[in-house]
């Protein structure tokens, strides 16, 4: 087991090493992010590591990582610092980080609509209570799937490839953790929808929508972006944006 731990740690460190990636968009500043965020917002980022490239390929999306913004919350032991995010890191597990962690990265905010203040707090508490959970580094096969940035996997298998793993309940993946947090208050992300035939006298042909929860292991960062239940907030235009103030180079 010690040997597997060492191999897993080395592999995780290799996969999370940053690489330069030319971006087409201008990333938001830390202040723009903070001005735009509310508790329980999901921050999507375009990572620049080898594992990020693989996730973007497997999900056919710009976004490779997700973090939950909690602001200032109590975890029952101490008041956490303001402007904080809970994220699941491949090496360090579930941890609390500041906005500087995402400096220089293309980002987008996904905001749940209609949550009460107590429900937002409950989503944050769920994530905070899992601080310290670790990715299962003993499962080498679970990590090795990210060694190829563009693995030759049929499209229909790609999402399930992300969900592969040992099944350890403390195994931490960024989008899985956040999906569980929202499911704890029964907030929809991308639920399965079944249509039942109507049986009311007023509208016998009307269909009724029944939502079922998708298993949390099948969620990817892009799901918060494409979900019809999250509002998209772009930090670069979130507060007092005025295109008249932009400085253009002479033509």
Protein backbone atom coordinates (compact mmCIF):
# COMPACT_ATOMS: atom_id res chain seq x y z
CA UNK A 1 0.00 0.00 0.00
CA UNK A 2 2.85 2.39 0.77
CA UNK A 3 4.30 1.77 -2.70
CA UNK A 4 0.93 2.47 -4.32
CA UNK A 5 0.59 5.66 -2.28
CA UNK A 6 3.98 6.88 -3.47
CA UNK A 7 3.21 6.05 -7.11
CA UNK A 8 -0.18 7.73 -6.84
CA UNK A 9 1.28 10.88 -5.28
CA UNK A 10 3.95 11.12 -7.99
CA UNK A 11 1.39 10.56 -10.75
CA UNK A 12 -0.99 13.14 -9.28
CA UNK A 13 1.81 15.71 -9.00
CA UNK A 14 2.73 15.10 -12.65
CA UNK A 15 -0.87 15.40 -13.86
CA UNK A 16 -1.53 18.66 -12.00
CA UNK A 17 1.66 20.43 -13.12
CA UNK A 18 0.80 23.68 -14.91
CA UNK A 19 1.50 24.06 -18.62
CA UNK A 20 1.32 27.18 -20.73
CA UNK A 21 -1.84 27.29 -22.82
CA UNK A 22 -2.60 30.21 -25.09
CA UNK A 23 -6.06 31.55 -24.31
CA UNK A 24 -8.30 33.44 -26.71
CA UNK A 25 -10.14 35.37 -23.98
CA UNK A 26 -9.01 37.82 -21.33
CA UNK A 27 -9.31 36.30 -17.82
CA UNK A 28 -11.13 38.30 -15.13
CA UNK A 29 -9.22 39.96 -12.32
CA UNK A 30 -9.54 38.75 -8.73
CA UNK A 31 -11.55 41.88 -7.88
CA UNK A 32 -13.93 41.30 -10.78
CA UNK A 33 -14.56 37.79 -9.49
CA UNK A 34 -15.19 38.93 -5.93
CA UNK A 35 -17.50 41.73 -7.05
CA UNK A 36 -19.61 39.25 -9.01
CA UNK A 37 -19.79 36.29 -6.60
CA UNK A 38 -22.48 35.28 -4.11
CA UNK A 39 -22.45 32.33 -1.68
CA UNK A 40 -23.30 28.98 -3.36
CA UNK A 41 -22.11 30.23 -6.76
CA UNK A 42 -20.15 27.71 -8.80
CA UNK A 43 -16.93 29.01 -10.34
CA UNK A 44 -15.86 27.21 -13.52
CA UNK A 45 -12.26 27.61 -14.63
CA UNK A 46 -10.26 26.59 -17.66
CA UNK A 47 -7.29 24.82 -16.12
CA UNK A 48 -3.86 24.49 -17.67
CA UNK A 49 -2.62 21.14 -16.35
CA UNK A 50 -2.41 17.78 -18.11
CA UNK A 51 -5.44 16.48 -16.23
CA UNK A 52 -7.32 19.65 -17.25
CA UNK A 53 -6.62 18.99 -20.92
CA UNK A 54 -7.95 15.44 -20.59
CA UNK A 55 -11.13 16.58 -18.82
CA UNK A 56 -11.78 19.24 -21.45
CA UNK A 57 -11.38 16.63 -24.18
CA UNK A 58 -13.57 14.03 -22.47
CA UNK A 59 -16.36 16.55 -21.78
CA UNK A 60 -15.93 18.53 -25.02
CA UNK A 61 -15.96 21.71 -22.95
CA UNK A 62 -13.82 24.73 -22.11
CA UNK A 63 -14.21 24.09 -18.39
CA UNK A 64 -12.03 21.58 -16.58
CA UNK A 65 -12.51 22.48 -12.92
CA UNK A 66 -15.26 23.70 -10.62
CA UNK A 67 -15.14 25.33 -7.19
CA UNK A 68 -17.90 26.34 -4.78
CA UNK A 69 -17.85 29.90 -3.43
CA UNK A 70 -18.84 30.04 0.23
CA UNK A 71 -17.71 33.52 1.25
CA UNK A 72 -17.53 33.70 5.04
CA UNK A 73 -19.06 30.66 6.73
CA UNK A 74 -18.80 28.78 9.97
CA UNK A 75 -17.87 25.10 9.87
CA UNK A 76 -18.78 24.53 13.51
CA UNK A 77 -15.19 25.01 14.70
CA UNK A 78 -14.08 28.40 13.42
CA UNK A 79 -15.13 31.20 11.12
CA UNK A 80 -13.48 30.72 7.77
CA UNK A 81 -11.82 33.63 5.99
CA UNK A 82 -13.88 35.72 3.61
CA UNK A 83 -13.68 35.30 -0.14
CA UNK A 84 -13.17 31.55 0.11
CA UNK A 85 -13.85 28.62 -2.18
CA UNK A 86 -14.15 24.91 -1.48
CA UNK A 87 -12.53 22.80 -4.19
CA UNK A 88 -11.38 19.21 -4.62
CA UNK A 89 -7.73 19.05 -5.65
CA UNK A 90 -6.15 15.90 -7.04
CA UNK A 91 -3.17 16.14 -4.69
CA UNK A 92 -4.48 17.93 -1.58
CA UNK A 93 -8.07 16.68 -1.61
CA UNK A 94 -10.99 18.88 -0.51
CA UNK A 95 -9.55 22.17 0.64
CA UNK A 96 -10.34 25.82 1.25
CA UNK A 97 -8.65 28.30 -1.10
CA UNK A 98 -8.75 32.01 -1.88
CA UNK A 99 -9.53 33.78 -5.12
CA UNK A 100 -5.82 34.10 -5.97
CA UNK A 101 -5.80 30.38 -6.74
CA UNK A 102 -7.66 31.14 -9.98
CA UNK A 103 -5.66 34.20 -11.00
CA UNK A 104 -4.96 34.33 -14.73
CA UNK A 105 -7.45 31.59 -15.61
CA UNK A 106 -10.46 31.99 -17.86
CA UNK A 107 -13.52 31.73 -15.60
CA UNK A 108 -17.30 31.78 -15.54
CA UNK A 109 -19.78 31.92 -12.68
CA UNK A 110 -22.86 29.67 -12.56
CA UNK A 111 -25.50 30.90 -10.11
CA UNK A 112 -28.34 28.76 -8.73
CA UNK A 113 -31.66 30.58 -8.96
CA UNK A 114 -34.23 30.75 -6.19
CA UNK A 115 -32.23 29.38 -3.27
CA UNK A 116 -33.08 30.90 0.10
CA UNK A 117 -30.31 32.18 2.34
CA UNK A 118 -30.62 29.10 4.57
CA UNK A 119 -30.38 26.81 1.52
CA UNK A 120 -27.26 28.64 0.31
CA UNK A 121 -25.77 28.16 3.78
CA UNK A 122 -26.70 24.46 3.70
CA UNK A 123 -24.92 23.98 0.35
CA UNK A 124 -21.81 25.64 1.75
CA UNK A 125 -21.93 23.66 5.01
CA UNK A 126 -22.16 20.38 3.07
CA UNK A 127 -18.91 21.21 1.27
CA UNK A 128 -17.17 22.53 4.40
CA UNK A 129 -17.98 19.36 6.33
CA UNK A 130 -15.99 17.40 3.72
CA UNK A 131 -12.79 19.39 4.06
CA UNK A 132 -9.89 16.96 4.22
CA UNK A 133 -11.47 14.28 2.03
CA UNK A 134 -8.81 12.96 -0.32
CA UNK A 135 -8.70 11.62 -3.83
CA UNK A 136 -8.05 7.87 -3.76
CA UNK A 137 -4.43 7.92 -4.95
CA UNK A 138 -4.08 4.16 -4.40
CA UNK A 139 -6.21 3.54 -7.45
CA UNK A 140 -3.50 4.00 -10.06
CA UNK A 141 -5.80 3.00 -12.92
CA UNK A 142 -8.16 5.80 -11.85
CA UNK A 143 -5.37 8.34 -12.35
CA UNK A 144 -3.69 6.78 -15.38
CA UNK A 145 -6.69 7.52 -17.61
CA UNK A 146 -5.58 11.16 -17.62
CA UNK A 147 -2.06 10.46 -18.91
CA UNK A 148 -3.27 10.88 -22.49
CA UNK A 149 -4.68 14.39 -23.01
CA UNK A 150 -6.79 13.03 -25.90
CA UNK A 151 -7.59 9.42 -24.97
CA UNK A 152 -9.05 7.35 -27.85
CA UNK A 153 -12.44 6.84 -26.21
CA UNK A 154 -15.81 6.69 -28.04
CA UNK A 155 -18.00 9.70 -27.33
CA UNK A 156 -20.68 7.70 -25.53
CA UNK A 157 -18.13 6.41 -22.96
CA UNK A 158 -16.37 9.68 -22.18
CA UNK A 159 -18.55 10.86 -19.31
CA UNK A 160 -18.37 7.48 -17.60
CA UNK A 161 -14.62 7.46 -18.03
CA UNK A 162 -14.44 10.50 -15.76
CA UNK A 163 -16.55 8.67 -13.15
CA UNK A 164 -14.32 5.58 -12.98
CA UNK A 165 -12.86 4.88 -9.56
CA UNK A 166 -12.74 2.76 -6.45
CA UNK A 167 -16.07 3.90 -5.05
CA UNK A 168 -14.45 5.13 -1.82
CA UNK A 169 -16.99 7.58 -0.28
CA UNK A 170 -14.18 10.00 0.62
CA UNK A 171 -12.88 10.11 -2.95
CA UNK A 172 -13.00 13.75 -4.00
CA UNK A 173 -13.66 15.03 -7.51
CA UNK A 174 -14.51 18.72 -7.97
CA UNK A 175 -17.82 18.42 -9.81
CA UNK A 176 -18.92 15.38 -7.79
CA UNK A 177 -18.53 17.24 -4.50
CA UNK A 178 -20.47 20.27 -5.74
CA UNK A 179 -23.22 18.12 -7.28
CA UNK A 180 -23.68 16.35 -3.93
CA UNK A 181 -23.86 19.71 -2.14
CA UNK A 182 -26.72 20.89 -4.36
CA UNK A 183 -28.45 17.53 -4.24
CA UNK A 184 -28.45 17.80 -0.43
CA UNK A 185 -31.04 20.60 -0.79
CA UNK A 186 -32.63 18.92 -3.84
CA UNK A 187 -31.58 21.67 -6.24
CA UNK A 188 -31.57 20.43 -9.87
CA UNK A 189 -28.48 20.46 -12.08
CA UNK A 190 -29.20 18.14 -15.00
CA UNK A 191 -31.82 15.72 -13.68
CA UNK A 192 -33.40 12.92 -15.65
CA UNK A 193 -36.88 13.99 -16.78
CA UNK A 194 -39.68 11.46 -17.22
CA UNK A 195 -43.01 12.50 -18.75
CA UNK A 196 -46.14 10.90 -17.35
CA UNK A 197 -49.45 11.15 -19.22
CA UNK A 198 -51.93 13.60 -17.75
CA UNK A 199 -54.91 12.29 -15.84
CA UNK A 200 -56.68 15.45 -14.74
CA UNK A 201 -60.20 16.20 -15.93
CA UNK A 202 -59.21 19.76 -16.89
CA UNK A 203 -56.39 18.64 -19.22
CA UNK A 204 -56.41 14.90 -20.02
CA UNK A 205 -53.64 15.26 -22.64
CA UNK A 206 -51.25 17.28 -20.46
CA UNK A 207 -48.04 15.51 -19.45
CA UNK A 208 -46.47 15.77 -16.02
CA UNK A 209 -42.71 16.15 -15.61
CA UNK A 210 -41.09 13.97 -12.93
CA UNK A 211 -37.46 14.75 -12.10
CA UNK A 212 -35.05 12.06 -10.89
CA UNK A 213 -31.61 12.78 -9.47
CA UNK A 214 -28.68 11.83 -11.69
CA UNK A 215 -25.91 10.01 -9.81
CA UNK A 216 -23.38 12.55 -8.56
CA UNK A 217 -20.39 10.63 -9.99
CA UNK A 218 -21.59 11.38 -13.54
CA UNK A 219 -21.38 15.17 -13.27
CA UNK A 220 -18.67 17.18 -15.02
CA UNK A 221 -17.83 20.90 -14.70
CA UNK A 222 -19.61 21.70 -17.98
CA UNK A 223 -22.94 20.49 -16.56
CA UNK A 224 -23.26 23.61 -14.42
CA UNK A 225 -22.72 25.70 -17.56
CA UNK A 226 -25.35 23.93 -19.68
CA UNK A 227 -27.84 23.40 -16.86
CA UNK A 228 -31.12 25.30 -17.42
CA UNK A 229 -31.28 25.93 -13.66
CA UNK A 230 -28.10 28.02 -13.31
CA UNK A 231 -27.76 31.64 -14.37
CA UNK A 232 -24.53 32.44 -16.24
CA UNK A 233 -22.54 35.38 -14.88
CA UNK A 234 -19.49 36.65 -16.76
CA UNK A 235 -17.25 38.50 -14.28
CA UNK A 236 -15.71 40.80 -16.90
CA UNK A 237 -19.11 42.44 -17.51
CA UNK A 238 -20.73 41.73 -14.16
CA UNK A 239 -20.37 45.15 -12.52
CA UNK A 240 -20.72 48.55 -14.21
CA UNK A 241 -19.35 47.43 -17.57
CA UNK A 242 -19.28 50.22 -20.14
CA UNK A 243 -17.76 49.44 -23.52
CA UNK A 244 -17.34 53.20 -24.13
CA UNK A 245 -14.47 53.14 -21.61
CA UNK A 246 -12.45 50.54 -23.53
CA UNK A 247 -9.13 51.75 -24.96
CA UNK A 248 -8.66 50.64 -28.56
CA UNK A 249 -5.42 50.70 -30.49
CA UNK A 250 -5.39 52.97 -33.59
CA UNK A 251 -6.54 51.20 -36.75
